[in-house]
Amino acid sequence: MRTAALIKRAGVTRDTLRYYEREGLITPPVRLINGYRDYPEQVLAEIRFIRLGQSVGLPLQIIRRAIPYLIAPQPGCEELREVLEAQMRVLDEQMDKLRSAKARLSKWLLANRAAAMAG
């Protein structure tokens, strides 16, 4: 698959695609005689996997380690499960902090509204 088709189907920019390639996150393309890159179809799944991992807060170094499981799934893989469970804990902590911040903001807003009505 040529670069233009891949970035359109994957919904990424050319710079993002080149970055993934430089970082070894995707299967390298074959170079055609004219110098154009020809990506295997599996790269689309790899990019979607990378984007999914990023969307749930996984850092690229963790995603890189998980890509082989995308290519050759290992049901019940303990390493992958541990990474996912650790990320769940991170997200739980972030959600707790956000709930606390929201509660503080709510109190400040109520106090501000009360002061405006009294004044």
Protein backbone atom coordinates (compact mmCIF):
# COMPACT_ATOMS: atom_id res chain seq x y z
CA MET A 1 0.00 0.00 0.00
CA ARG A 2 1.44 3.37 -0.95
CA THR A 3 1.98 6.13 1.62
CA ALA A 4 -0.93 8.34 0.53
CA ALA A 5 -3.39 5.46 0.71
CA LEU A 6 -2.10 4.35 4.11
CA ILE A 7 -2.27 7.77 5.75
CA LYS A 8 -5.78 8.26 4.39
CA ARG A 9 -7.01 4.86 5.61
CA ALA A 10 -5.20 5.10 8.96
CA GLY A 11 -6.13 8.72 9.63
CA VAL A 12 -2.58 9.79 10.46
CA THR A 13 -0.30 12.43 9.04
CA ARG A 14 2.74 11.71 6.91
CA ASP A 15 4.93 12.93 9.80
CA THR A 16 3.26 10.51 12.21
CA LEU A 17 3.72 7.65 9.77
CA ARG A 18 7.41 8.49 9.33
CA TYR A 19 7.83 8.74 13.11
CA TYR A 20 6.28 5.30 13.64
CA GLU A 21 8.58 3.96 10.95
CA ARG A 22 11.72 5.58 12.44
CA GLU A 23 10.82 4.28 15.91
CA GLY A 24 10.34 0.73 14.64
CA LEU A 25 6.68 0.68 15.69
CA ILE A 26 5.42 -0.57 12.33
CA THR A 27 6.56 -3.17 9.85
CA PRO A 28 9.03 -1.42 7.54
CA PRO A 29 7.85 -0.81 3.99
CA VAL A 30 9.42 -2.29 0.91
CA ARG A 31 11.08 0.25 -1.36
CA LEU A 32 9.90 0.06 -4.95
CA ILE A 33 12.25 0.64 -7.88
CA ASN A 34 11.07 4.25 -8.09
CA GLY A 35 11.93 4.76 -4.39
CA TYR A 36 8.31 4.86 -3.21
CA ARG A 37 7.41 3.05 -0.02
CA ASP A 38 5.06 0.08 -0.29
CA TYR A 39 3.58 -0.85 3.09
CA PRO A 40 2.16 -4.30 3.79
CA GLU A 41 -1.55 -4.40 4.66
CA GLN A 42 -0.75 -5.37 8.28
CA VAL A 43 0.68 -1.88 8.90
CA LEU A 44 -2.85 -0.51 8.92
CA ALA A 45 -3.72 -2.81 11.85
CA GLU A 46 -0.46 -1.87 13.58
CA ILE A 47 -1.22 1.85 13.29
CA ARG A 48 -4.76 1.34 14.57
CA PHE A 49 -3.35 -0.64 17.50
CA ILE A 50 -0.83 2.13 18.26
CA ARG A 51 -3.56 4.77 18.16
CA LEU A 52 -5.83 2.68 20.39
CA GLY A 53 -3.02 2.21 22.90
CA GLN A 54 -2.30 5.93 22.89
CA SER A 55 -5.98 6.72 23.36
CA VAL A 56 -5.99 4.84 26.69
CA GLY A 57 -2.76 6.46 27.82
CA LEU A 58 -0.24 3.73 27.07
CA PRO A 59 3.23 5.13 26.37
CA LEU A 60 4.86 4.19 23.07
CA GLN A 61 7.51 2.04 24.78
CA ILE A 62 4.74 -0.17 26.16
CA ILE A 63 2.86 -0.19 22.86
CA ARG A 64 6.06 -1.21 21.07
CA ARG A 65 6.37 -4.23 23.36
CA ALA A 66 2.73 -5.18 22.74
CA ILE A 67 2.81 -5.04 18.93
CA PRO A 68 4.16 -8.59 18.55
CA TYR A 69 1.05 -9.81 20.37
CA LEU A 70 -1.05 -8.10 17.72
CA ILE A 71 0.85 -9.91 14.99
CA ALA A 72 0.91 -13.28 16.81
CA PRO A 73 -1.74 -13.21 19.58
CA GLN A 74 -1.05 -15.24 22.68
CA PRO A 75 -4.32 -15.83 24.53
CA GLY A 76 -4.00 -15.14 28.24
CA CYS A 77 -0.55 -13.56 27.87
CA GLU A 78 0.56 -12.69 31.39
CA GLU A 79 2.91 -9.85 30.36
CA LEU A 80 0.23 -8.08 28.33
CA ARG A 81 -2.34 -8.58 31.09
CA GLU A 82 0.04 -7.07 33.67
CA VAL A 83 0.66 -4.02 31.47
CA LEU A 84 -3.07 -3.52 30.95
CA GLU A 85 -3.83 -3.93 34.65
CA ALA A 86 -1.10 -1.42 35.52
CA GLN A 87 -2.57 1.07 33.07
CA MET A 88 -6.01 0.54 34.60
CA ARG A 89 -4.53 1.48 37.99
CA VAL A 90 -2.94 4.60 36.49
CA LEU A 91 -6.27 5.63 34.95
CA ASP A 92 -8.09 4.99 38.24
CA GLU A 93 -5.61 7.27 40.03
CA GLN A 94 -6.04 9.97 37.39
CA MET A 95 -9.82 9.72 37.65
CA ASP A 96 -9.65 10.05 41.43
CA LYS A 97 -7.52 13.18 41.10
CA LEU A 98 -9.90 14.63 38.51
CA ARG A 99 -12.93 13.92 40.72
CA SER A 100 -11.22 15.67 43.61
CA ALA A 101 -10.32 18.67 41.43
CA LYS A 102 -13.89 18.83 40.14
CA ALA A 103 -15.26 18.80 43.69
CA ARG A 104 -12.93 21.67 44.68
CA LEU A 105 -13.92 23.67 41.61
CA SER A 106 -17.58 23.07 42.35
CA LYS A 107 -17.15 24.41 45.90
CA TRP A 108 -15.33 27.50 44.61
CA LEU A 109 -18.00 28.10 42.02
CA LEU A 110 -20.77 27.80 44.60
CA ALA A 111 -18.93 30.20 46.92
CA ASN A 112 -18.43 32.64 44.04
CA ARG A 113 -22.11 32.50 43.11
CA ALA A 114 -23.16 32.98 46.76
CA ALA A 115 -20.85 35.99 47.09
CA ALA A 116 -22.25 37.48 43.88
CA MET A 117 -25.84 37.09 45.12
CA ALA A 118 -25.02 38.56 48.54
CA GLY A 119 -23.12 41.48 47.14
